[in-house]
Amino acid sequence: MNELKLNDLLCLTDGEIRNSKIVLNFGKSGSFDYIDIWSKTKNVDYSYWSHYGESENNQKNFKAGQRVFGFVRIKDDKYLLVTVGDIVDVPNVPGFCKYINVEKYNGFIGRLVIEINKGNTYSRYVFNLEKYIYDANVVEILPKEYESVEFKGFDNVYLKFSDLKLILNNEKYSDYRIALSSVKGIYCLTDTKEGKLYIGAAYGENGIAQRWNNYLDTATGGNKSLIELYNSKGENYFQDNFTFTLIEFFSMNTDVNKIIEREQFWKKSFSTKDNGYNNN
């Protein structure tokens, strides 16, 4: 089967291609990948995003009248289309250009995934479209808008701190949040920097989601050792280094004593009282 190229979908003329730019956003802001920020906020003008007027060497990225196709990296060489805009005005000082959304491409926004080998150009992210349009392969058009965190069943719940924030605070991930609210369970917090574990149990009215939401509010969940770590390292340490894993899950009518019994089993199995963050 022949590969589908980007312009097979965009259907641009040679003149339109010459008058267009492609923006390949990638990297992080703090502990968040740009794709996570877009998924949460839909902000296509974040940091070095799709309509920023100047590059790092003070060169103008765009001219009025140009069309901009903005992509954000999902992983490796795969990028998601997040905006198509026509530049109206370029500021004289560093800042974002004024642009008009090109509505005819709205059906591809958040759904079109392409593959581009960007090469060793980490500091550059804005290019003439003709540089890539003939080599960019269409990987897929998603059936619905891209979600950076996908629920793949209770046996596969493993989340970064930033992922958990997205799920519990963003309406887009309500299905994932409802799933976590529908079960009780045993979970593991992993300090990926130190390699230490904390085993906990969730058996409140709203299950795993309720208990994990406590960690978003406090970072520590009230645990003594985690409070000491928080006081020593600060909140950003948790956001940058902690992950959440669901070890066992139970129906909401499961007896609490059984869950506590299983919690003790896992604490013993992983020796988290002697070598982790559990205190009892």
C-alpha atoms as a PDB file:
ATOM      1  CA  MET A   1       0.000   0.000   0.000  1.00  0.00           C
ATOM      2  CA  ASN A   2       1.297   3.463  -0.881  1.00  0.00           C
ATOM      3  CA  GLU A   3       2.038   5.778   2.025  1.00  0.00           C
ATOM      4  CA  LEU A   4      -0.340   8.676   2.521  1.00  0.00           C
ATOM      5  CA  LYS A   5       1.542  11.963   2.494  1.00  0.00           C
ATOM      6  CA  LEU A   6       0.541  15.133   4.317  1.00  0.00           C
ATOM      7  CA  ASN A   7      -0.469  17.033   1.200  1.00  0.00           C
ATOM      8  CA  ASP A   8      -2.715  14.172   0.123  1.00  0.00           C
ATOM      9  CA  LEU A   9      -4.966  15.500   2.898  1.00  0.00           C
ATOM     10  CA  LEU A  10      -4.174  19.213   2.848  1.00  0.00           C
ATOM     11  CA  CYS A  11      -4.421  19.512  -0.942  1.00  0.00           C
ATOM     12  CA  LEU A  12      -2.305  22.678  -1.117  1.00  0.00           C
ATOM     13  CA  THR A  13      -1.100  24.231  -4.366  1.00  0.00           C
ATOM     14  CA  ASP A  14       2.603  24.866  -4.941  1.00  0.00           C
ATOM     15  CA  GLY A  15       2.042  28.552  -4.213  1.00  0.00           C
ATOM     16  CA  GLU A  16       0.205  27.811  -0.955  1.00  0.00           C
ATOM     17  CA  ILE A  17       2.987  25.479   0.124  1.00  0.00           C
ATOM     18  CA  ARG A  18       5.634  28.143  -0.509  1.00  0.00           C
ATOM     19  CA  ASN A  19       3.590  30.608   1.554  1.00  0.00           C
ATOM     20  CA  SER A  20       3.147  28.263   4.541  1.00  0.00           C
ATOM     21  CA  LYS A  21       5.122  27.361   7.639  1.00  0.00           C
ATOM     22  CA  ILE A  22       5.112  24.209   9.718  1.00  0.00           C
ATOM     23  CA  VAL A  23       5.712  24.396  13.469  1.00  0.00           C
ATOM     24  CA  LEU A  24       6.934  21.268  15.251  1.00  0.00           C
ATOM     25  CA  ASN A  25       6.461  21.891  18.968  1.00  0.00           C
ATOM     26  CA  PHE A  26       8.263  19.497  21.282  1.00  0.00           C
ATOM     27  CA  GLY A  27       9.805  19.368  24.712  1.00  0.00           C
ATOM     28  CA  LYS A  28       8.615  20.129  28.224  1.00  0.00           C
ATOM     29  CA  SER A  29       7.561  22.948  30.463  1.00  0.00           C
ATOM     30  CA  GLY A  30       8.460  21.875  33.989  1.00  0.00           C
ATOM     31  CA  SER A  31       7.161  18.323  34.473  1.00  0.00           C
ATOM     32  CA  PHE A  32       4.619  18.618  31.636  1.00  0.00           C
ATOM     33  CA  ASP A  33       5.195  17.621  28.022  1.00  0.00           C
ATOM     34  CA  TYR A  34       3.801  20.175  25.577  1.00  0.00           C
ATOM     35  CA  ILE A  35       1.300  17.579  24.364  1.00  0.00           C
ATOM     36  CA  ASP A  36      -0.033  17.287  27.927  1.00  0.00           C
ATOM     37  CA  ILE A  37      -0.394  21.056  28.150  1.00  0.00           C
ATOM     38  CA  TRP A  38      -2.291  21.202  24.870  1.00  0.00           C
ATOM     39  CA  SER A  39      -4.469  18.257  25.879  1.00  0.00           C
ATOM     40  CA  LYS A  40      -5.382  20.046  29.103  1.00  0.00           C
ATOM     41  CA  THR A  41      -5.700  23.654  27.951  1.00  0.00           C
ATOM     42  CA  LYS A  42      -6.038  23.588  24.129  1.00  0.00           C
ATOM     43  CA  ASN A  43      -3.615  26.535  24.226  1.00  0.00           C
ATOM     44  CA  VAL A  44      -1.770  26.631  20.888  1.00  0.00           C
ATOM     45  CA  ASP A  45       0.134  29.780  21.890  1.00  0.00           C
ATOM     46  CA  TYR A  46       2.015  28.311  24.839  1.00  0.00           C
ATOM     47  CA  SER A  47       5.702  29.227  25.150  1.00  0.00           C
ATOM     48  CA  TYR A  48       7.419  28.452  21.818  1.00  0.00           C
ATOM     49  CA  TRP A  49       4.161  27.437  20.285  1.00  0.00           C
ATOM     50  CA  SER A  50       2.631  27.821  16.916  1.00  0.00           C
ATOM     51  CA  HIS A  51       2.279  31.587  16.568  1.00  0.00           C
ATOM     52  CA  TYR A  52       5.239  33.045  18.448  1.00  0.00           C
ATOM     53  CA  GLY A  53       6.656  35.894  16.408  1.00  0.00           C
ATOM     54  CA  GLU A  54      10.404  35.523  16.970  1.00  0.00           C
ATOM     55  CA  SER A  55      12.926  32.711  17.187  1.00  0.00           C
ATOM     56  CA  GLU A  56      15.666  32.473  19.808  1.00  0.00           C
ATOM     57  CA  ASN A  57      18.138  34.366  17.556  1.00  0.00           C
ATOM     58  CA  ASN A  58      15.659  37.262  17.184  1.00  0.00           C
ATOM     59  CA  GLN A  59      14.696  36.316  13.644  1.00  0.00           C
ATOM     60  CA  LYS A  60      11.071  36.709  12.634  1.00  0.00           C
ATOM     61  CA  ASN A  61       9.310  33.354  12.446  1.00  0.00           C
ATOM     62  CA  PHE A  62       6.452  34.559  10.249  1.00  0.00           C
ATOM     63  CA  LYS A  63       5.222  37.239   7.888  1.00  0.00           C
ATOM     64  CA  ALA A  64       1.707  38.602   7.627  1.00  0.00           C
ATOM     65  CA  GLY A  65      -0.274  36.573   5.088  1.00  0.00           C
ATOM     66  CA  GLN A  66       1.501  33.283   5.740  1.00  0.00           C
ATOM     67  CA  ARG A  67      -0.367  30.161   6.787  1.00  0.00           C
ATOM     68  CA  VAL A  68       0.875  28.200   9.796  1.00  0.00           C
ATOM     69  CA  PHE A  69       0.332  24.486  10.410  1.00  0.00           C
ATOM     70  CA  GLY A  70       1.095  23.860  14.075  1.00  0.00           C
ATOM     71  CA  PHE A  71       1.938  20.386  15.369  1.00  0.00           C
ATOM     72  CA  VAL A  72       2.872  19.091  18.825  1.00  0.00           C
ATOM     73  CA  ARG A  73       5.003  15.987  19.315  1.00  0.00           C
ATOM     74  CA  ILE A  74       3.227  13.010  20.838  1.00  0.00           C
ATOM     75  CA  LYS A  75       6.354  10.854  21.061  1.00  0.00           C
ATOM     76  CA  ASP A  76       9.403  10.009  18.956  1.00  0.00           C
ATOM     77  CA  ASP A  77       8.750  11.351  15.436  1.00  0.00           C
ATOM     78  CA  LYS A  78       4.961  11.460  15.682  1.00  0.00           C
ATOM     79  CA  TYR A  79       3.204  14.842  15.804  1.00  0.00           C
ATOM     80  CA  LEU A  80      -0.411  15.905  16.285  1.00  0.00           C
ATOM     81  CA  LEU A  81      -2.002  18.787  14.350  1.00  0.00           C
ATOM     82  CA  VAL A  82      -3.253  21.356  16.881  1.00  0.00           C
ATOM     83  CA  THR A  83      -3.819  24.519  14.838  1.00  0.00           C
ATOM     84  CA  VAL A  84      -3.998  25.969  11.337  1.00  0.00           C
ATOM     85  CA  GLY A  85      -3.959  29.757  11.208  1.00  0.00           C
ATOM     86  CA  ASP A  86      -3.385  32.619   8.775  1.00  0.00           C
ATOM     87  CA  ILE A  87      -1.017  35.246  10.174  1.00  0.00           C
ATOM     88  CA  VAL A  88      -2.620  38.696  10.236  1.00  0.00           C
ATOM     89  CA  ASP A  89      -0.019  40.741  12.100  1.00  0.00           C
ATOM     90  CA  VAL A  90       3.501  40.154  13.443  1.00  0.00           C
ATOM     91  CA  PRO A  91       4.502  42.168  16.536  1.00  0.00           C
ATOM     92  CA  ASN A  92       7.611  44.334  16.499  1.00  0.00           C
ATOM     93  CA  VAL A  93       8.586  43.019  19.930  1.00  0.00           C
ATOM     94  CA  PRO A  94       8.727  39.390  21.112  1.00  0.00           C
ATOM     95  CA  GLY A  95       5.199  38.053  21.404  1.00  0.00           C
ATOM     96  CA  PHE A  96       2.461  36.131  19.662  1.00  0.00           C
ATOM     97  CA  CYS A  97       1.222  36.963  16.185  1.00  0.00           C
ATOM     98  CA  LYS A  98      -2.393  37.767  15.485  1.00  0.00           C
ATOM     99  CA  TYR A  99      -3.922  35.055  13.349  1.00  0.00           C
ATOM    100  CA  ILE A 100      -7.226  33.785  12.004  1.00  0.00           C
ATOM    101  CA  ASN A 101      -8.209  30.138  12.395  1.00  0.00           C
ATOM    102  CA  VAL A 102      -8.594  28.319   9.054  1.00  0.00           C
ATOM    103  CA  GLU A 103     -11.892  26.555   9.609  1.00  0.00           C
ATOM    104  CA  LYS A 104     -11.732  24.110   6.706  1.00  0.00           C
ATOM    105  CA  TYR A 105      -9.107  22.107   8.598  1.00  0.00           C
ATOM    106  CA  ASN A 106     -11.037  21.982  11.870  1.00  0.00           C
ATOM    107  CA  GLY A 107     -11.914  18.317  11.313  1.00  0.00           C
ATOM    108  CA  PHE A 108      -8.222  17.413  11.495  1.00  0.00           C
ATOM    109  CA  ILE A 109      -7.403  19.412  14.646  1.00  0.00           C
ATOM    110  CA  GLY A 110      -6.492  17.096  17.505  1.00  0.00           C
ATOM    111  CA  ARG A 111      -6.953  14.053  15.248  1.00  0.00           C
ATOM    112  CA  LEU A 112      -4.357  14.138  12.451  1.00  0.00           C
ATOM    113  CA  VAL A 113      -1.119  12.377  13.385  1.00  0.00           C
ATOM    114  CA  ILE A 114       1.906  12.581  11.098  1.00  0.00           C
ATOM    115  CA  GLU A 115       5.425  11.207  11.235  1.00  0.00           C
ATOM    116  CA  ILE A 116       8.367  13.498  10.516  1.00  0.00           C
ATOM    117  CA  ASN A 117      12.082  12.943  11.007  1.00  0.00           C
ATOM    118  CA  LYS A 118      13.008  16.395  12.260  1.00  0.00           C
ATOM    119  CA  GLY A 119      16.730  15.689  12.458  1.00  0.00           C
ATOM    120  CA  ASN A 120      19.216  17.381  14.763  1.00  0.00           C
ATOM    121  CA  THR A 121      17.466  20.752  14.935  1.00  0.00           C
ATOM    122  CA  TYR A 122      16.418  20.879  18.584  1.00  0.00           C
ATOM    123  CA  SER A 123      16.605  24.661  18.876  1.00  0.00           C
ATOM    124  CA  ARG A 124      14.573  25.174  15.699  1.00  0.00           C
ATOM    125  CA  TYR A 125      10.876  24.463  15.576  1.00  0.00           C
ATOM    126  CA  VAL A 126       9.554  26.679  12.734  1.00  0.00           C
ATOM    127  CA  PHE A 127      10.262  25.615   9.134  1.00  0.00           C
ATOM    128  CA  ASN A 128       9.103  26.317   5.619  1.00  0.00           C
ATOM    129  CA  LEU A 129       6.343  23.824   4.917  1.00  0.00           C
ATOM    130  CA  GLU A 130       7.948  22.710   1.664  1.00  0.00           C
ATOM    131  CA  LYS A 131      10.869  21.317   3.701  1.00  0.00           C
ATOM    132  CA  TYR A 132       8.674  18.551   5.130  1.00  0.00           C
ATOM    133  CA  ILE A 133       5.363  18.298   3.313  1.00  0.00           C
ATOM    134  CA  TYR A 134       6.574  15.794   0.731  1.00  0.00           C
ATOM    135  CA  ASP A 135       8.231  13.572   3.338  1.00  0.00           C
ATOM    136  CA  ALA A 136       5.688  13.767   6.169  1.00  0.00           C
ATOM    137  CA  ASN A 137       3.687  10.540   6.385  1.00  0.00           C
ATOM    138  CA  VAL A 138       0.120  10.458   7.675  1.00  0.00           C
ATOM    139  CA  VAL A 139       0.104   7.912  10.493  1.00  0.00           C
ATOM    140  CA  GLU A 140      -3.597   8.067  11.309  1.00  0.00           C
ATOM    141  CA  ILE A 141      -6.659  10.209  11.713  1.00  0.00           C
ATOM    142  CA  LEU A 142      -7.957   9.488  15.194  1.00  0.00           C
ATOM    143  CA  PRO A 143     -11.666   8.660  15.574  1.00  0.00           C
ATOM    144  CA  LYS A 144     -11.903  11.336  18.271  1.00  0.00           C
ATOM    145  CA  GLU A 145      -9.704  14.094  19.651  1.00  0.00           C
ATOM    146  CA  TYR A 146      -6.363  12.903  20.998  1.00  0.00           C
ATOM    147  CA  GLU A 147      -6.189  12.019  24.684  1.00  0.00           C
ATOM    148  CA  SER A 148      -2.736  11.960  26.238  1.00  0.00           C
ATOM    149  CA  VAL A 149      -3.927   9.467  28.866  1.00  0.00           C
ATOM    150  CA  GLU A 150      -6.143   6.577  27.806  1.00  0.00           C
ATOM    151  CA  PHE A 151      -7.939   4.190  30.143  1.00  0.00           C
ATOM    152  CA  LYS A 152      -6.920   0.652  29.151  1.00  0.00           C
ATOM    153  CA  GLY A 153      -8.499  -1.254  32.005  1.00  0.00           C
ATOM    154  CA  PHE A 154      -7.847  -1.480  35.727  1.00  0.00           C
ATOM    155  CA  ASP A 155      -4.946  -3.872  35.158  1.00  0.00           C
ATOM    156  CA  ASN A 156      -3.074  -1.124  33.319  1.00  0.00           C
ATOM    157  CA  VAL A 157      -3.425   1.900  35.596  1.00  0.00           C
ATOM    158  CA  TYR A 158       0.031   3.456  35.848  1.00  0.00           C
ATOM    159  CA  LEU A 159       0.117   7.258  35.966  1.00  0.00           C
ATOM    160  CA  LYS A 160       2.639  10.024  36.330  1.00  0.00           C
ATOM    161  CA  PHE A 161       1.694  12.782  38.746  1.00  0.00           C
ATOM    162  CA  SER A 162       0.955  15.042  35.758  1.00  0.00           C
ATOM    163  CA  ASP A 163      -1.284  12.339  34.228  1.00  0.00           C
ATOM    164  CA  LEU A 164      -3.258  12.109  37.447  1.00  0.00           C
ATOM    165  CA  LYS A 165      -3.793  15.862  37.413  1.00  0.00           C
ATOM    166  CA  LEU A 166      -5.198  15.673  33.904  1.00  0.00           C
ATOM    167  CA  ILE A 167      -7.593  12.866  34.783  1.00  0.00           C
ATOM    168  CA  LEU A 168      -8.963  14.262  38.012  1.00  0.00           C
ATOM    169  CA  ASN A 169      -9.115  17.935  36.993  1.00  0.00           C
ATOM    170  CA  ASN A 170     -10.125  17.837  33.335  1.00  0.00           C
ATOM    171  CA  GLU A 171     -13.655  17.149  32.121  1.00  0.00           C
ATOM    172  CA  LYS A 172     -12.233  15.570  28.978  1.00  0.00           C
ATOM    173  CA  TYR A 173     -11.069  12.593  31.053  1.00  0.00           C
ATOM    174  CA  SER A 174     -14.339  12.087  32.907  1.00  0.00           C
ATOM    175  CA  ASP A 175     -14.570   8.456  31.729  1.00  0.00           C
ATOM    176  CA  TYR A 176     -11.192   7.656  33.302  1.00  0.00           C
ATOM    177  CA  ARG A 177     -12.140   9.526  36.472  1.00  0.00           C
ATOM    178  CA  ILE A 178     -15.466   7.682  36.716  1.00  0.00           C
ATOM    179  CA  ALA A 179     -13.623   4.367  36.317  1.00  0.00           C
ATOM    180  CA  LEU A 180     -11.292   5.225  39.211  1.00  0.00           C
ATOM    181  CA  SER A 181     -14.314   6.255  41.273  1.00  0.00           C
ATOM    182  CA  SER A 182     -16.030   2.926  40.732  1.00  0.00           C
ATOM    183  CA  VAL A 183     -13.541   0.633  42.483  1.00  0.00           C
ATOM    184  CA  LYS A 184     -11.765   0.286  45.787  1.00  0.00           C
ATOM    185  CA  GLY A 185      -8.236  -1.004  45.775  1.00  0.00           C
ATOM    186  CA  ILE A 186      -4.601  -1.293  46.736  1.00  0.00           C
ATOM    187  CA  TYR A 187      -2.185   1.113  45.124  1.00  0.00           C
ATOM    188  CA  CYS A 188       1.518   1.833  45.014  1.00  0.00           C
ATOM    189  CA  LEU A 189       3.238   5.202  44.948  1.00  0.00           C
ATOM    190  CA  THR A 190       6.734   4.981  43.474  1.00  0.00           C
ATOM    191  CA  ASP A 191       9.463   7.517  44.091  1.00  0.00           C
ATOM    192  CA  THR A 192      11.236   6.964  40.773  1.00  0.00           C
ATOM    193  CA  LYS A 193      14.278   8.963  41.867  1.00  0.00           C
ATOM    194  CA  GLU A 194      14.995   7.064  45.084  1.00  0.00           C
ATOM    195  CA  GLY A 195      13.344   3.785  44.135  1.00  0.00           C
ATOM    196  CA  LYS A 196      11.202   3.752  47.291  1.00  0.00           C
ATOM    197  CA  LEU A 197       7.575   2.591  47.434  1.00  0.00           C
ATOM    198  CA  TYR A 198       4.503   3.438  49.440  1.00  0.00           C
ATOM    199  CA  ILE A 199       1.593   0.981  49.568  1.00  0.00           C
ATOM    200  CA  GLY A 200      -1.865   2.342  50.332  1.00  0.00           C
ATOM    201  CA  ALA A 201      -5.501   1.317  50.323  1.00  0.00           C
ATOM    202  CA  ALA A 202      -8.546   3.180  49.005  1.00  0.00           C
ATOM    203  CA  TYR A 203     -11.985   2.244  50.300  1.00  0.00           C
ATOM    204  CA  GLY A 204     -13.852   5.545  50.551  1.00  0.00           C
ATOM    205  CA  GLU A 205     -17.168   6.415  48.960  1.00  0.00           C
ATOM    206  CA  ASN A 206     -15.526   7.394  45.656  1.00  0.00           C
ATOM    207  CA  GLY A 207     -12.870   4.710  45.603  1.00  0.00           C
ATOM    208  CA  ILE A 208      -9.425   5.154  44.098  1.00  0.00           C
ATOM    209  CA  ALA A 209     -10.240   8.585  42.655  1.00  0.00           C
ATOM    210  CA  GLN A 210     -11.135   9.953  46.078  1.00  0.00           C
ATOM    211  CA  ARG A 211      -7.938   8.745  47.708  1.00  0.00           C
ATOM    212  CA  TRP A 212      -5.657   9.800  44.858  1.00  0.00           C
ATOM    213  CA  ASN A 213      -7.279  13.215  44.769  1.00  0.00           C
ATOM    214  CA  ASN A 214      -5.906  13.665  48.311  1.00  0.00           C
ATOM    215  CA  TYR A 215      -2.405  13.458  46.844  1.00  0.00           C
ATOM    216  CA  LEU A 216      -3.200  16.231  44.396  1.00  0.00           C
ATOM    217  CA  ASP A 217      -4.348  18.393  47.297  1.00  0.00           C
ATOM    218  CA  THR A 218      -1.505  17.632  49.698  1.00  0.00           C
ATOM    219  CA  ALA A 219       1.111  15.617  47.727  1.00  0.00           C
ATOM    220  CA  THR A 220       1.599  13.428  50.828  1.00  0.00           C
ATOM    221  CA  GLY A 221      -1.885  12.057  51.525  1.00  0.00           C
ATOM    222  CA  GLY A 222      -1.144  12.613  55.223  1.00  0.00           C
ATOM    223  CA  ASN A 223       1.540   9.918  55.452  1.00  0.00           C
ATOM    224  CA  LYS A 224       4.259  10.723  58.006  1.00  0.00           C
ATOM    225  CA  SER A 225       7.263   9.729  55.889  1.00  0.00           C
ATOM    226  CA  LEU A 226       5.882  11.499  52.822  1.00  0.00           C
ATOM    227  CA  ILE A 227       5.279  14.634  54.885  1.00  0.00           C
ATOM    228  CA  GLU A 228       8.924  14.537  55.962  1.00  0.00           C
ATOM    229  CA  LEU A 229       9.948  14.130  52.316  1.00  0.00           C
ATOM    230  CA  TYR A 230       7.694  17.027  51.339  1.00  0.00           C
ATOM    231  CA  ASN A 231       9.207  19.279  53.981  1.00  0.00           C
ATOM    232  CA  SER A 232      12.668  18.358  52.769  1.00  0.00           C
ATOM    233  CA  LYS A 233      12.194  18.303  48.974  1.00  0.00           C
ATOM    234  CA  GLY A 234       9.090  20.395  48.296  1.00  0.00           C
ATOM    235  CA  GLU A 235       5.979  19.868  46.184  1.00  0.00           C
ATOM    236  CA  ASN A 236       7.782  19.816  42.835  1.00  0.00           C
ATOM    237  CA  TYR A 237       9.696  16.713  43.911  1.00  0.00           C
ATOM    238  CA  PHE A 238       6.428  14.780  44.031  1.00  0.00           C
ATOM    239  CA  GLN A 239       5.208  16.156  40.730  1.00  0.00           C
ATOM    240  CA  ASP A 240       8.478  15.308  38.986  1.00  0.00           C
ATOM    241  CA  ASN A 241       9.225  11.901  40.503  1.00  0.00           C
ATOM    242  CA  PHE A 242       6.106  10.119  41.794  1.00  0.00           C
ATOM    243  CA  THR A 243       3.965   7.637  39.891  1.00  0.00           C
ATOM    244  CA  PHE A 244       0.665   5.955  40.815  1.00  0.00           C
ATOM    245  CA  THR A 245      -0.029   2.279  40.138  1.00  0.00           C
ATOM    246  CA  LEU A 246      -3.199   0.317  40.890  1.00  0.00           C
ATOM    247  CA  ILE A 247      -2.080  -3.089  42.211  1.00  0.00           C
ATOM    248  CA  GLU A 248      -5.435  -4.685  43.056  1.00  0.00           C
ATOM    249  CA  PHE A 249      -8.995  -3.497  42.585  1.00  0.00           C
ATOM    250  CA  PHE A 250     -12.256  -4.544  44.255  1.00  0.00           C
ATOM    251  CA  SER A 251     -15.928  -3.836  43.806  1.00  0.00           C
ATOM    252  CA  MET A 252     -17.365  -1.020  45.898  1.00  0.00           C
ATOM    253  CA  ASN A 253     -19.270  -3.465  48.148  1.00  0.00           C
ATOM    254  CA  THR A 254     -16.083  -5.324  49.183  1.00  0.00           C
ATOM    255  CA  ASP A 255     -15.590  -5.557  52.943  1.00  0.00           C
ATOM    256  CA  VAL A 256     -13.055  -3.025  54.196  1.00  0.00           C
ATOM    257  CA  ASN A 257     -11.298  -5.613  56.352  1.00  0.00           C
ATOM    258  CA  LYS A 258     -10.454  -7.673  53.295  1.00  0.00           C
ATOM    259  CA  ILE A 259      -8.907  -4.636  51.601  1.00  0.00           C
ATOM    260  CA  ILE A 260      -6.850  -3.789  54.682  1.00  0.00           C
ATOM    261  CA  GLU A 261      -5.690  -7.397  54.855  1.00  0.00           C
ATOM    262  CA  ARG A 262      -4.506  -7.223  51.242  1.00  0.00           C
ATOM    263  CA  GLU A 263      -2.805  -3.899  51.908  1.00  0.00           C
ATOM    264  CA  GLN A 264      -0.740  -5.518  54.671  1.00  0.00           C
ATOM    265  CA  PHE A 265       0.130  -8.391  52.341  1.00  0.00           C
ATOM    266  CA  TRP A 266       1.587  -6.013  49.747  1.00  0.00           C
ATOM    267  CA  LYS A 267       3.448  -3.979  52.358  1.00  0.00           C
ATOM    268  CA  LYS A 268       5.094  -7.180  53.544  1.00  0.00           C
ATOM    269  CA  SER A 269       5.775  -8.395  49.988  1.00  0.00           C
ATOM    270  CA  PHE A 270       7.562  -5.194  48.997  1.00  0.00           C
ATOM    271  CA  SER A 271       9.112  -4.583  52.437  1.00  0.00           C
ATOM    272  CA  THR A 272       7.859  -1.007  52.362  1.00  0.00           C
ATOM    273  CA  LYS A 273       8.040  -0.551  56.136  1.00  0.00           C
ATOM    274  CA  ASP A 274      11.791  -1.189  56.218  1.00  0.00           C
ATOM    275  CA  ASN A 275      12.757   0.012  52.759  1.00  0.00           C
ATOM    276  CA  GLY A 276       9.965   2.333  51.693  1.00  0.00           C
ATOM    277  CA  TYR A 277       7.669   5.048  52.991  1.00  0.00           C
ATOM    278  CA  ASN A 278       5.164   2.991  54.994  1.00  0.00           C
ATOM    279  CA  ASN A 279       5.187   3.529  58.773  1.00  0.00           C
ATOM    280  CA  ASN A 280       2.774   0.812  59.900  1.00  0.00           C
END
